[in-house]
Structure formats: C-alpha cells, structure tokens
Protein backbone atom coordinates (compact mmCIF):
# COMPACT_ATOMS: atom_id res chain seq x y z
CA MET A 1 6.50 -10.06 -19.08
CA PHE A 2 9.30 -7.96 -17.81
CA GLY A 3 12.98 -8.61 -18.04
CA ALA A 4 16.29 -7.25 -19.23
CA ASP A 5 15.64 -8.52 -22.78
CA LYS A 6 15.64 -5.99 -25.61
CA GLY A 7 12.16 -4.56 -26.05
CA SER A 8 11.06 -5.08 -22.46
CA VAL A 9 9.38 -2.26 -20.58
CA ALA A 10 11.95 -2.15 -17.77
CA SER A 11 14.59 -4.32 -16.16
CA THR A 12 14.03 -5.75 -12.69
CA ASP A 13 16.56 -3.24 -11.23
CA ASP A 14 14.82 -0.31 -12.90
CA ARG A 15 11.42 -1.43 -11.62
CA MET A 16 12.66 -1.49 -8.02
CA ASN A 17 14.33 1.93 -8.07
CA GLY A 18 12.36 4.34 -5.90
CA LYS A 19 14.54 7.38 -6.58
CA GLY A 20 12.40 10.37 -7.47
CA LEU A 21 9.08 8.66 -6.60
CA LYS A 22 6.47 10.23 -4.31
CA VAL A 23 4.51 7.72 -2.25
CA GLY A 24 1.57 8.26 0.07
CA ILE A 25 0.68 5.88 2.90
CA VAL A 26 -2.76 5.74 4.49
CA GLN A 27 -2.77 3.71 7.72
CA ALA A 28 -5.82 2.65 9.69
CA ARG A 29 -5.29 3.06 13.46
CA PHE A 30 -7.60 0.19 14.44
CA ASN A 31 -5.40 -2.71 15.59
CA ALA A 32 -2.60 -0.15 15.89
CA SER A 33 0.07 -2.55 17.15
CA VAL A 34 -0.17 -4.39 13.82
CA THR A 35 -0.75 -1.38 11.57
CA ASP A 36 2.15 0.53 13.18
CA ALA A 37 4.45 -2.44 12.41
CA LEU A 38 3.12 -2.62 8.82
CA ALA A 39 3.68 1.11 8.31
CA HIS A 40 7.16 1.03 9.84
CA ALA A 41 8.23 -1.91 7.65
CA CYS A 42 6.71 -0.25 4.59
CA LYS A 43 8.47 3.05 5.14
CA ALA A 44 11.80 1.37 5.90
CA GLU A 45 11.58 -0.61 2.67
CA LEU A 46 10.62 2.49 0.65
CA LEU A 47 13.71 4.21 2.00
CA ALA A 48 15.85 1.15 1.19
CA LEU A 49 14.50 1.22 -2.36
CA GLY A 50 15.61 4.84 -2.77
CA VAL A 51 12.42 6.80 -2.05
CA ALA A 52 13.47 9.99 -0.21
CA ASP A 53 12.02 10.50 3.26
CA LYS A 54 10.63 13.89 2.16
CA ASP A 55 8.73 12.12 -0.64
CA ILE A 56 6.81 9.81 1.69
CA GLU A 57 3.58 11.21 3.16
CA HIS A 58 1.99 9.13 5.92
CA LEU A 59 -1.60 9.75 7.07
CA THR A 60 -3.66 7.87 9.61
CA VAL A 61 -7.40 7.28 9.66
CA PRO A 62 -9.64 5.53 12.25
CA GLY A 63 -10.15 2.21 10.47
CA ALA A 64 -10.03 0.21 7.27
CA LEU A 65 -13.34 1.60 5.98
CA GLU A 66 -11.88 5.11 6.05
CA VAL A 67 -8.74 4.20 4.11
CA PRO A 68 -10.29 4.45 0.60
CA VAL A 69 -11.67 7.96 1.09
CA ALA A 70 -8.27 9.20 2.32
CA LEU A 71 -6.60 7.51 -0.65
CA GLN A 72 -9.10 9.22 -2.95
CA ALA A 73 -8.37 12.64 -1.44
CA MET A 74 -4.64 12.04 -1.90
CA ALA A 75 -5.16 10.92 -5.49
CA GLU A 76 -7.20 14.04 -6.25
CA LYS A 77 -5.05 16.68 -4.64
CA THR A 78 -1.41 15.72 -5.06
CA SER A 79 0.76 14.07 -7.63
CA TYR A 80 1.74 10.76 -6.09
CA ASP A 81 3.42 8.02 -8.11
CA ALA A 82 1.87 5.35 -5.90
CA LEU A 83 -0.13 4.96 -2.71
CA VAL A 84 -0.18 2.30 0.02
CA ALA A 85 -3.22 1.18 1.98
CA ILE A 86 -2.44 -0.22 5.47
CA GLY A 87 -4.88 -1.81 7.86
CA CYS A 88 -5.68 -4.90 9.86
CA ILE A 89 -9.08 -6.57 10.02
CA ILE A 90 -9.38 -9.56 12.33
CA ARG A 91 -12.34 -11.91 12.13
CA GLY A 92 -14.80 -11.59 14.96
CA GLU A 93 -18.05 -13.32 15.76
CA THR A 94 -20.24 -11.26 13.43
CA TYR A 95 -20.66 -10.46 9.77
CA HIS A 96 -18.87 -7.13 10.35
CA PHE A 97 -15.52 -8.74 9.38
CA GLU A 98 -16.78 -9.65 5.89
CA LEU A 99 -18.36 -6.20 5.43
CA VAL A 100 -15.20 -4.30 6.40
CA ALA A 101 -12.87 -6.61 4.47
CA ASN A 102 -14.95 -6.58 1.30
CA GLU A 103 -15.81 -2.87 1.27
CA SER A 104 -12.36 -1.62 2.16
CA GLY A 105 -10.78 -3.83 -0.50
CA ALA A 106 -13.32 -2.78 -3.12
CA GLY A 107 -12.84 0.86 -2.23
CA VAL A 108 -9.06 0.66 -2.56
CA THR A 109 -9.39 -1.04 -5.94
CA ARG A 110 -11.93 1.50 -7.17
CA VAL A 111 -9.67 4.46 -6.27
CA SER A 112 -6.75 2.78 -8.02
CA LEU A 113 -8.77 2.16 -11.21
CA ASP A 114 -10.56 5.54 -11.15
CA TYR A 115 -7.30 7.48 -10.92
CA GLN A 116 -5.06 5.01 -12.80
CA LEU A 117 -2.78 5.18 -9.76
CA PRO A 118 -1.07 2.14 -8.30
CA ILE A 119 -2.20 1.37 -4.77
CA ALA A 120 -0.48 -1.41 -2.85
CA ASN A 121 -3.14 -2.99 -0.63
CA ALA A 122 -1.66 -4.02 2.69
CA ILE A 123 -4.92 -4.26 4.58
CA LEU A 124 -4.49 -7.58 6.34
CA THR A 125 -7.57 -9.79 6.79
CA THR A 126 -6.82 -12.52 9.28
CA GLU A 127 -8.59 -15.03 11.51
CA ASP A 128 -6.82 -13.87 14.65
CA MET A 129 -4.16 -11.59 16.05
CA ALA A 130 -1.48 -14.28 15.84
CA GLN A 131 -1.89 -14.48 12.06
CA ALA A 132 -1.69 -10.70 11.79
CA ILE A 133 1.50 -10.53 13.85
CA VAL A 134 3.17 -13.17 11.69
CA ARG A 135 2.40 -11.14 8.56
CA GLN A 136 2.88 -7.55 9.73
CA VAL A 137 6.52 -6.98 8.77
CA GLU A 138 6.72 -8.89 5.52
CA LYS A 139 3.42 -7.51 4.21
CA GLY A 140 4.61 -3.96 4.98
CA ARG A 141 7.80 -4.62 2.99
CA ASP A 142 5.81 -6.23 0.17
CA ALA A 143 3.56 -3.18 -0.05
CA ALA A 144 6.56 -0.90 -0.52
CA ARG A 145 7.95 -3.13 -3.25
CA VAL A 146 4.58 -3.27 -5.04
CA ALA A 147 4.21 0.52 -4.84
CA VAL A 148 7.67 1.17 -6.30
CA GLU A 149 7.42 -1.52 -8.99
CA MET A 150 3.95 -0.44 -10.13
CA ALA A 151 4.88 3.26 -10.10
CA ASN A 152 7.77 2.52 -12.40
CA LEU A 153 5.63 0.27 -14.63
CA MET A 154 2.95 2.97 -15.00
CA GLU A 155 5.61 5.54 -15.88
CA ALA A 156 7.04 3.21 -18.53
CA LEU A 157 3.67 2.45 -20.15
C-alpha cells in the first residue's frame, strides 16, 4: 500500500508527477470519433500531470488488434516509461466482438509483462456507441493517470 508514511514506496503526489517521463500512445483508428476523444483526453491529462509535450509520442494503427504489435515495437526500440493503448470495440451481431476484445486485451497484457513496462489499457469494450461516448473522456484521463502512476511505481521498485 502506498502513502506518505515512512517506509512507503512513494507519496501520492510523487506517484502522479509526470515530469521527466516519456510516454507512448498507440491509438486504433477504428471508431475514430471515440478514439480521437480518448487520445485527446489522455494527452491533455499527461500534460496536466507534467509530462512534456516532446516526451509524448502518439501513433495510430488501423484497429484494436493492431495495437499490441505497435506497443511491442515501441517497447523494443525506445525507452518509454509507460505506454497507453487506446481503442474502441463495440459489440456487433457476431462473435467478432469477443475475438477482438479478448485478443487485443491479452496482447496488451502480454507486451506489458514481457517488457516489464506499464501499459494503461484504454481499449473500450462497449455494447453500443452511446456507452462509448459516455466513457471516452474519463477513460482517456484515467489512462494517463495510470501510465504516470505506474511509471513512477516501477521506477521506485
């Protein structure tokens, strides 16, 4: 458990300080109206937390299934403190929703574990567009907070 108590890994303020962190964002373009809003909210929050604009790299890929391979390439080639996965998968009439949701999520997790690199997963999986719209801004902000907090935690460990 974290806190300001003596012996803790980091205080809450320290965990949310993005100064000096390098963060990569991989955004799926499918359902772009939602993923654009997620990415905008994420980047705005990263900046508010102190991450410098020059230290945020933002890439786009066709869809959620392509996000993990781009994350893997970023993890292999550059020294990021954290990454963010952004996408939007909306349930349709076929099994494709489950396939894309499960495989993209598993891929993001695998890259994070393989590289011991925090990845905030902001790939929304919703029943319909209305649910995605309701979540798009707050989940983008949440992803930025998770990325910064986990980057600082990993540095402290």
